[in-house]
Amino acid sequence: MESQVYEWPREAPDTDAAVLKQWLTGHGWEIDPTVFMTGARGPAVQVRRIGAAWQDGEPGLLILPGETVEYDGERMHTVVRPVTGAAAG
């Protein structure tokens, strides 16, 4: 069974984009080729269901650099990870 979680790294190189594309395809999703964003921490990608009618305002998911995405069997969503670091005090 294919993994249900994918971590989109910061400053993702083209090889990571290819792995993400393959992972999404395995779950019936794709990268929206009409949306491309890049920032100081790397590219962000917009994903959608394969074959979905795509118009402004339809649901999709924007994956930002450093985010983890989970497929729950129906939808993609980002996973909230606990923040680790120094304790306040």
C-alpha atoms as a PDB file:
ATOM      1  CA  MET A   1       0.000   0.000   0.000  1.00  0.00           C
ATOM      2  CA  GLU A   2       1.265   3.440  -0.896  1.00  0.00           C
ATOM      3  CA  SER A   3       2.045   5.935   1.871  1.00  0.00           C
ATOM      4  CA  GLN A   4      -0.813   8.165   2.979  1.00  0.00           C
ATOM      5  CA  VAL A   5       1.557  10.984   4.034  1.00  0.00           C
ATOM      6  CA  TYR A   6       3.963  13.081   1.987  1.00  0.00           C
ATOM      7  CA  GLU A   7       6.309  15.751   3.309  1.00  0.00           C
ATOM      8  CA  TRP A   8       6.852  18.597   0.826  1.00  0.00           C
ATOM      9  CA  PRO A   9      10.324  19.872   1.774  1.00  0.00           C
ATOM     10  CA  ARG A  10      11.511  23.436   1.915  1.00  0.00           C
ATOM     11  CA  GLU A  11      13.580  24.393  -1.136  1.00  0.00           C
ATOM     12  CA  ALA A  12      12.319  21.291  -2.971  1.00  0.00           C
ATOM     13  CA  PRO A  13      14.369  20.441  -6.066  1.00  0.00           C
ATOM     14  CA  ASP A  14      12.874  19.088  -9.308  1.00  0.00           C
ATOM     15  CA  THR A  15      13.437  15.519  -8.114  1.00  0.00           C
ATOM     16  CA  ASP A  16      11.097  16.128  -5.152  1.00  0.00           C
ATOM     17  CA  ALA A  17       8.481  17.554  -7.532  1.00  0.00           C
ATOM     18  CA  ALA A  18       8.664  14.344  -9.588  1.00  0.00           C
ATOM     19  CA  VAL A  19       8.223  12.208  -6.444  1.00  0.00           C
ATOM     20  CA  LEU A  20       5.263  14.345  -5.315  1.00  0.00           C
ATOM     21  CA  LYS A  21       3.677  14.033  -8.763  1.00  0.00           C
ATOM     22  CA  GLN A  22       3.989  10.240  -8.631  1.00  0.00           C
ATOM     23  CA  TRP A  23       2.606  10.103  -5.069  1.00  0.00           C
ATOM     24  CA  LEU A  24      -0.371  12.295  -5.997  1.00  0.00           C
ATOM     25  CA  THR A  25      -1.115  10.249  -9.122  1.00  0.00           C
ATOM     26  CA  GLY A  26      -1.230   7.112  -6.982  1.00  0.00           C
ATOM     27  CA  HIS A  27      -4.049   8.721  -4.999  1.00  0.00           C
ATOM     28  CA  GLY A  28      -5.957  10.188  -7.970  1.00  0.00           C
ATOM     29  CA  TRP A  29      -4.658  13.756  -7.599  1.00  0.00           C
ATOM     30  CA  GLU A  30      -2.397  15.988  -9.694  1.00  0.00           C
ATOM     31  CA  ILE A  31      -0.432  19.222  -9.527  1.00  0.00           C
ATOM     32  CA  ASP A  32      -2.411  22.065 -11.077  1.00  0.00           C
ATOM     33  CA  PRO A  33      -0.148  23.254 -13.914  1.00  0.00           C
ATOM     34  CA  THR A  34      -1.820  26.689 -14.015  1.00  0.00           C
ATOM     35  CA  VAL A  35      -0.632  27.649 -10.512  1.00  0.00           C
ATOM     36  CA  PHE A  36       3.043  28.183  -9.719  1.00  0.00           C
ATOM     37  CA  MET A  37       4.353  30.044  -6.710  1.00  0.00           C
ATOM     38  CA  THR A  38       7.830  30.313  -5.351  1.00  0.00           C
ATOM     39  CA  GLY A  39       9.179  32.010  -2.283  1.00  0.00           C
ATOM     40  CA  ALA A  40      12.263  32.268  -0.132  1.00  0.00           C
ATOM     41  CA  ARG A  41      11.710  28.745   1.234  1.00  0.00           C
ATOM     42  CA  GLY A  42      10.955  27.101  -2.110  1.00  0.00           C
ATOM     43  CA  PRO A  43       8.017  26.368  -4.387  1.00  0.00           C
ATOM     44  CA  ALA A  44       4.401  25.958  -3.354  1.00  0.00           C
ATOM     45  CA  VAL A  45       2.121  23.705  -5.396  1.00  0.00           C
ATOM     46  CA  GLN A  46      -1.637  23.650  -5.891  1.00  0.00           C
ATOM     47  CA  VAL A  47      -3.118  20.149  -6.181  1.00  0.00           C
ATOM     48  CA  ARG A  48      -6.492  18.913  -7.386  1.00  0.00           C
ATOM     49  CA  ARG A  49      -8.267  15.659  -8.208  1.00  0.00           C
ATOM     50  CA  ILE A  50      -7.350  14.211 -11.590  1.00  0.00           C
ATOM     51  CA  GLY A  51     -10.121  15.000 -14.062  1.00  0.00           C
ATOM     52  CA  ALA A  52     -11.877  17.460 -11.762  1.00  0.00           C
ATOM     53  CA  ALA A  53     -13.577  20.388 -13.422  1.00  0.00           C
ATOM     54  CA  TRP A  54     -11.358  23.265 -12.423  1.00  0.00           C
ATOM     55  CA  GLN A  55     -12.664  26.764 -12.017  1.00  0.00           C
ATOM     56  CA  ASP A  56     -11.825  29.594  -9.665  1.00  0.00           C
ATOM     57  CA  GLY A  57     -13.201  28.868  -6.231  1.00  0.00           C
ATOM     58  CA  GLU A  58     -13.303  25.077  -6.521  1.00  0.00           C
ATOM     59  CA  PRO A  59     -11.626  23.137  -3.736  1.00  0.00           C
ATOM     60  CA  GLY A  60      -8.027  22.180  -4.130  1.00  0.00           C
ATOM     61  CA  LEU A  61      -5.085  22.270  -1.804  1.00  0.00           C
ATOM     62  CA  LEU A  62      -2.124  24.615  -1.745  1.00  0.00           C
ATOM     63  CA  ILE A  63       0.957  22.871  -0.334  1.00  0.00           C
ATOM     64  CA  LEU A  64       3.519  25.308   1.044  1.00  0.00           C
ATOM     65  CA  PRO A  65       7.232  24.557   1.516  1.00  0.00           C
ATOM     66  CA  GLY A  66       7.811  22.490   4.643  1.00  0.00           C
ATOM     67  CA  GLU A  67       4.219  21.250   4.929  1.00  0.00           C
ATOM     68  CA  THR A  68       3.166  17.635   5.329  1.00  0.00           C
ATOM     69  CA  VAL A  69       0.161  16.403   3.367  1.00  0.00           C
ATOM     70  CA  GLU A  70      -2.061  13.459   4.209  1.00  0.00           C
ATOM     71  CA  TYR A  71      -4.503  11.573   1.983  1.00  0.00           C
ATOM     72  CA  ASP A  72      -7.436  10.309   4.057  1.00  0.00           C
ATOM     73  CA  GLY A  73      -8.901   8.068   1.360  1.00  0.00           C
ATOM     74  CA  GLU A  74     -10.986  10.866  -0.117  1.00  0.00           C
ATOM     75  CA  ARG A  75      -9.292  14.233   0.342  1.00  0.00           C
ATOM     76  CA  MET A  76      -5.847  15.743   0.689  1.00  0.00           C
ATOM     77  CA  HIS A  77      -5.173  17.974   3.674  1.00  0.00           C
ATOM     78  CA  THR A  78      -2.194  19.404   5.508  1.00  0.00           C
ATOM     79  CA  VAL A  79      -1.167  17.774   8.761  1.00  0.00           C
ATOM     80  CA  VAL A  80      -0.558  19.917  11.806  1.00  0.00           C
ATOM     81  CA  ARG A  81       2.663  18.798  13.457  1.00  0.00           C
ATOM     82  CA  PRO A  82       3.499  19.684  17.049  1.00  0.00           C
ATOM     83  CA  VAL A  83       6.072  22.429  17.337  1.00  0.00           C
ATOM     84  CA  THR A  84       9.267  21.293  19.012  1.00  0.00           C
ATOM     85  CA  GLY A  85      11.847  23.599  20.484  1.00  0.00           C
ATOM     86  CA  ALA A  86      12.956  25.278  23.661  1.00  0.00           C
ATOM     87  CA  ALA A  87      10.442  25.502  26.455  1.00  0.00           C
ATOM     88  CA  ALA A  88       9.216  28.976  27.373  1.00  0.00           C
ATOM     89  CA  GLY A  89      10.119  30.057  30.821  1.00  0.00           C
END
